[in-house]
Amino acid sequence: MRIGQLADALGCTVETIRFYEKQGLLPAPHRTDGNFRKYDEEHVQRLSFICNCRSLDLSLNEIKTLLSLENHNEQRTEEINRLLDRHIKDVAKRIHELAHLRMKLIELKEKTIGTDEDPMKLLLQHSVRFVRL
């Protein structure tokens, strides 16, 4: 199949496929006499795996690690579990940070509701701490 067909089959873009090839996540496809990329079932399976990992918010480096374990059965389970544990901790940290951000936004919104002061002025007052002289 051609690159557009592969993209349509997996719900991604042609640019995404080319990017994954450049990153070494997807093996280079064979080329036709007209120099068109020609993908096979192996590419479909690999790209499907990559897309699934990205839907789990795994980084490209984490995906590369998982792909490198493909032919190492003896250490695969242990390494995958370590990777997933790290990812779970990262997700928990981000959830905490987002909850904190949510609270700060709610507080800021409540300040704008309880006053006749211009909301832009309130935002600017709070932005002073980011100015470094």
C-alpha atoms as a PDB file:
ATOM      1  CA  MET A   1       0.000   0.000   0.000  1.00  0.00           C
ATOM      2  CA  ARG A   2       1.046   3.592  -0.511  1.00  0.00           C
ATOM      3  CA  ILE A   3       1.682   6.119   2.248  1.00  0.00           C
ATOM      4  CA  GLY A   4      -1.723   7.800   1.899  1.00  0.00           C
ATOM      5  CA  GLN A   5      -3.492   4.454   2.177  1.00  0.00           C
ATOM      6  CA  LEU A   6      -1.467   3.576   5.266  1.00  0.00           C
ATOM      7  CA  ALA A   7      -2.287   6.934   6.837  1.00  0.00           C
ATOM      8  CA  ASP A   8      -5.995   6.492   6.118  1.00  0.00           C
ATOM      9  CA  ALA A   9      -5.986   2.921   7.418  1.00  0.00           C
ATOM     10  CA  LEU A  10      -4.552   3.988  10.776  1.00  0.00           C
ATOM     11  CA  GLY A  11      -6.081   7.437  11.123  1.00  0.00           C
ATOM     12  CA  CYS A  12      -2.856   9.402  11.072  1.00  0.00           C
ATOM     13  CA  THR A  13      -1.234  11.777   8.618  1.00  0.00           C
ATOM     14  CA  VAL A  14       1.319  11.203   5.902  1.00  0.00           C
ATOM     15  CA  GLU A  15       3.595  13.667   7.714  1.00  0.00           C
ATOM     16  CA  THR A  16       3.361  11.582  10.882  1.00  0.00           C
ATOM     17  CA  ILE A  17       4.433   8.466   9.016  1.00  0.00           C
ATOM     18  CA  ARG A  18       7.386  10.265   7.442  1.00  0.00           C
ATOM     19  CA  PHE A  19       8.341  11.645  10.867  1.00  0.00           C
ATOM     20  CA  TYR A  20       8.299   8.170  12.450  1.00  0.00           C
ATOM     21  CA  GLU A  21      10.477   6.899   9.596  1.00  0.00           C
ATOM     22  CA  LYS A  22      12.996   9.711  10.162  1.00  0.00           C
ATOM     23  CA  GLN A  23      13.018   8.959  13.898  1.00  0.00           C
ATOM     24  CA  GLY A  24      13.800   5.296  13.204  1.00  0.00           C
ATOM     25  CA  LEU A  25      10.545   4.036  14.708  1.00  0.00           C
ATOM     26  CA  LEU A  26       9.192   2.780  11.403  1.00  0.00           C
ATOM     27  CA  PRO A  27      11.454   0.880   9.011  1.00  0.00           C
ATOM     28  CA  ALA A  28      12.013   2.452   5.623  1.00  0.00           C
ATOM     29  CA  PRO A  29       9.603   0.965   3.093  1.00  0.00           C
ATOM     30  CA  HIS A  30      10.529  -0.537  -0.228  1.00  0.00           C
ATOM     31  CA  ARG A  31      10.274   1.817  -3.169  1.00  0.00           C
ATOM     32  CA  THR A  32       8.500   1.236  -6.455  1.00  0.00           C
ATOM     33  CA  ASP A  33      10.156   1.883  -9.799  1.00  0.00           C
ATOM     34  CA  GLY A  34       8.447   5.279  -9.680  1.00  0.00           C
ATOM     35  CA  ASN A  35      10.111   5.908  -6.262  1.00  0.00           C
ATOM     36  CA  PHE A  36       6.832   5.672  -4.337  1.00  0.00           C
ATOM     37  CA  ARG A  37       6.931   4.205  -0.851  1.00  0.00           C
ATOM     38  CA  LYS A  38       5.369   0.740  -0.690  1.00  0.00           C
ATOM     39  CA  TYR A  39       4.247  -0.426   2.757  1.00  0.00           C
ATOM     40  CA  ASP A  40       3.455  -3.983   3.795  1.00  0.00           C
ATOM     41  CA  GLU A  41       1.705  -5.688   6.722  1.00  0.00           C
ATOM     42  CA  GLU A  42       4.801  -5.297   8.931  1.00  0.00           C
ATOM     43  CA  HIS A  43       4.547  -1.530   8.532  1.00  0.00           C
ATOM     44  CA  VAL A  44       0.835  -1.608   9.340  1.00  0.00           C
ATOM     45  CA  GLN A  45       1.498  -3.576  12.539  1.00  0.00           C
ATOM     46  CA  ARG A  46       4.434  -1.383  13.604  1.00  0.00           C
ATOM     47  CA  LEU A  47       2.585   1.874  12.919  1.00  0.00           C
ATOM     48  CA  SER A  48      -0.473   0.558  14.738  1.00  0.00           C
ATOM     49  CA  PHE A  49       1.744  -0.220  17.749  1.00  0.00           C
ATOM     50  CA  ILE A  50       3.304   3.266  17.624  1.00  0.00           C
ATOM     51  CA  CYS A  51      -0.105   4.964  17.349  1.00  0.00           C
ATOM     52  CA  ASN A  52      -1.403   2.947  20.292  1.00  0.00           C
ATOM     53  CA  CYS A  53       1.632   3.900  22.387  1.00  0.00           C
ATOM     54  CA  ARG A  54       1.165   7.566  21.482  1.00  0.00           C
ATOM     55  CA  SER A  55      -2.508   7.311  22.525  1.00  0.00           C
ATOM     56  CA  LEU A  56      -1.138   6.220  25.931  1.00  0.00           C
ATOM     57  CA  ASP A  57       1.037   9.367  25.833  1.00  0.00           C
ATOM     58  CA  LEU A  58       4.248   7.379  25.734  1.00  0.00           C
ATOM     59  CA  SER A  59       7.171   9.453  24.470  1.00  0.00           C
ATOM     60  CA  LEU A  60       9.105   8.603  21.329  1.00  0.00           C
ATOM     61  CA  ASN A  61      12.036   7.505  23.495  1.00  0.00           C
ATOM     62  CA  GLU A  62       9.766   5.208  25.508  1.00  0.00           C
ATOM     63  CA  ILE A  63       8.421   3.745  22.264  1.00  0.00           C
ATOM     64  CA  LYS A  64      11.975   3.224  20.988  1.00  0.00           C
ATOM     65  CA  THR A  65      12.775   1.396  24.219  1.00  0.00           C
ATOM     66  CA  LEU A  66       9.752  -0.861  23.815  1.00  0.00           C
ATOM     67  CA  LEU A  67      10.611  -1.572  20.184  1.00  0.00           C
ATOM     68  CA  SER A  68      14.186  -2.435  21.144  1.00  0.00           C
ATOM     69  CA  LEU A  69      12.815  -5.132  23.452  1.00  0.00           C
ATOM     70  CA  GLU A  70      10.932  -6.830  20.635  1.00  0.00           C
ATOM     71  CA  ASN A  71      13.448  -9.664  20.307  1.00  0.00           C
ATOM     72  CA  HIS A  72      14.610  -9.860  23.939  1.00  0.00           C
ATOM     73  CA  ASN A  73      12.080 -12.100  25.640  1.00  0.00           C
ATOM     74  CA  GLU A  74      14.133 -12.698  28.788  1.00  0.00           C
ATOM     75  CA  GLN A  75      14.209  -9.051  29.904  1.00  0.00           C
ATOM     76  CA  ARG A  76      11.120  -7.750  28.139  1.00  0.00           C
ATOM     77  CA  THR A  77       8.502  -8.083  30.883  1.00  0.00           C
ATOM     78  CA  GLU A  78      10.707  -6.584  33.584  1.00  0.00           C
ATOM     79  CA  GLU A  79      11.800  -3.651  31.412  1.00  0.00           C
ATOM     80  CA  ILE A  80       8.256  -2.969  30.184  1.00  0.00           C
ATOM     81  CA  ASN A  81       7.006  -2.920  33.763  1.00  0.00           C
ATOM     82  CA  ARG A  82       9.775  -0.487  34.778  1.00  0.00           C
ATOM     83  CA  LEU A  83       8.934   1.770  31.860  1.00  0.00           C
ATOM     84  CA  LEU A  84       5.212   1.661  32.656  1.00  0.00           C
ATOM     85  CA  ASP A  85       5.863   2.362  36.351  1.00  0.00           C
ATOM     86  CA  ARG A  86       7.900   5.458  35.418  1.00  0.00           C
ATOM     87  CA  HIS A  87       5.185   6.577  33.021  1.00  0.00           C
ATOM     88  CA  ILE A  88       2.462   6.073  35.640  1.00  0.00           C
ATOM     89  CA  LYS A  89       4.456   8.237  38.095  1.00  0.00           C
ATOM     90  CA  ASP A  90       4.877  10.930  35.435  1.00  0.00           C
ATOM     91  CA  VAL A  91       1.150  10.898  34.710  1.00  0.00           C
ATOM     92  CA  ALA A  92       0.348  11.145  38.428  1.00  0.00           C
ATOM     93  CA  LYS A  93       2.710  14.110  38.734  1.00  0.00           C
ATOM     94  CA  ARG A  94       1.093  15.846  35.765  1.00  0.00           C
ATOM     95  CA  ILE A  95      -2.376  15.225  37.202  1.00  0.00           C
ATOM     96  CA  HIS A  96      -1.244  16.851  40.457  1.00  0.00           C
ATOM     97  CA  GLU A  97       0.250  19.816  38.570  1.00  0.00           C
ATOM     98  CA  LEU A  98      -2.909  20.225  36.488  1.00  0.00           C
ATOM     99  CA  ALA A  99      -5.111  20.099  39.601  1.00  0.00           C
ATOM    100  CA  HIS A 100      -2.942  22.842  41.130  1.00  0.00           C
ATOM    101  CA  LEU A 101      -3.215  24.879  37.926  1.00  0.00           C
ATOM    102  CA  ARG A 102      -6.993  24.412  37.937  1.00  0.00           C
ATOM    103  CA  MET A 103      -7.207  25.767  41.484  1.00  0.00           C
ATOM    104  CA  LYS A 104      -5.087  28.803  40.591  1.00  0.00           C
ATOM    105  CA  LEU A 105      -7.323  29.538  37.599  1.00  0.00           C
ATOM    106  CA  ILE A 106     -10.469  29.198  39.701  1.00  0.00           C
ATOM    107  CA  GLU A 107      -9.021  31.591  42.289  1.00  0.00           C
ATOM    108  CA  LEU A 108      -8.143  34.092  39.589  1.00  0.00           C
ATOM    109  CA  LYS A 109     -11.608  33.825  38.051  1.00  0.00           C
ATOM    110  CA  GLU A 110     -13.245  34.334  41.453  1.00  0.00           C
ATOM    111  CA  LYS A 111     -11.191  37.509  41.926  1.00  0.00           C
ATOM    112  CA  THR A 112     -12.495  38.864  38.640  1.00  0.00           C
ATOM    113  CA  ILE A 113     -16.108  38.031  39.550  1.00  0.00           C
ATOM    114  CA  GLY A 114     -16.004  39.679  42.969  1.00  0.00           C
ATOM    115  CA  THR A 115     -14.696  43.022  41.762  1.00  0.00           C
ATOM    116  CA  ASP A 116     -15.366  45.775  39.274  1.00  0.00           C
ATOM    117  CA  GLU A 117     -11.667  45.761  38.439  1.00  0.00           C
ATOM    118  CA  ASP A 118     -10.651  45.043  34.870  1.00  0.00           C
ATOM    119  CA  PRO A 119      -9.764  41.307  34.547  1.00  0.00           C
ATOM    120  CA  MET A 120      -6.792  42.203  32.342  1.00  0.00           C
ATOM    121  CA  LYS A 121      -5.413  44.389  35.107  1.00  0.00           C
ATOM    122  CA  LEU A 122      -5.670  41.472  37.560  1.00  0.00           C
ATOM    123  CA  LEU A 123      -3.809  39.200  35.138  1.00  0.00           C
ATOM    124  CA  LEU A 124      -1.098  41.810  34.689  1.00  0.00           C
ATOM    125  CA  GLN A 125      -0.732  42.210  38.472  1.00  0.00           C
ATOM    126  CA  HIS A 126      -0.072  38.498  38.795  1.00  0.00           C
ATOM    127  CA  SER A 127       2.385  38.467  35.892  1.00  0.00           C
ATOM    128  CA  VAL A 128       4.868  40.781  37.632  1.00  0.00           C
ATOM    129  CA  ARG A 129       6.577  37.838  39.332  1.00  0.00           C
ATOM    130  CA  PHE A 130       7.767  36.579  35.936  1.00  0.00           C
ATOM    131  CA  VAL A 131       9.680  39.756  35.104  1.00  0.00           C
ATOM    132  CA  ARG A 132      13.415  39.511  35.748  1.00  0.00           C
ATOM    133  CA  LEU A 133      15.481  42.661  35.664  1.00  0.00           C
END
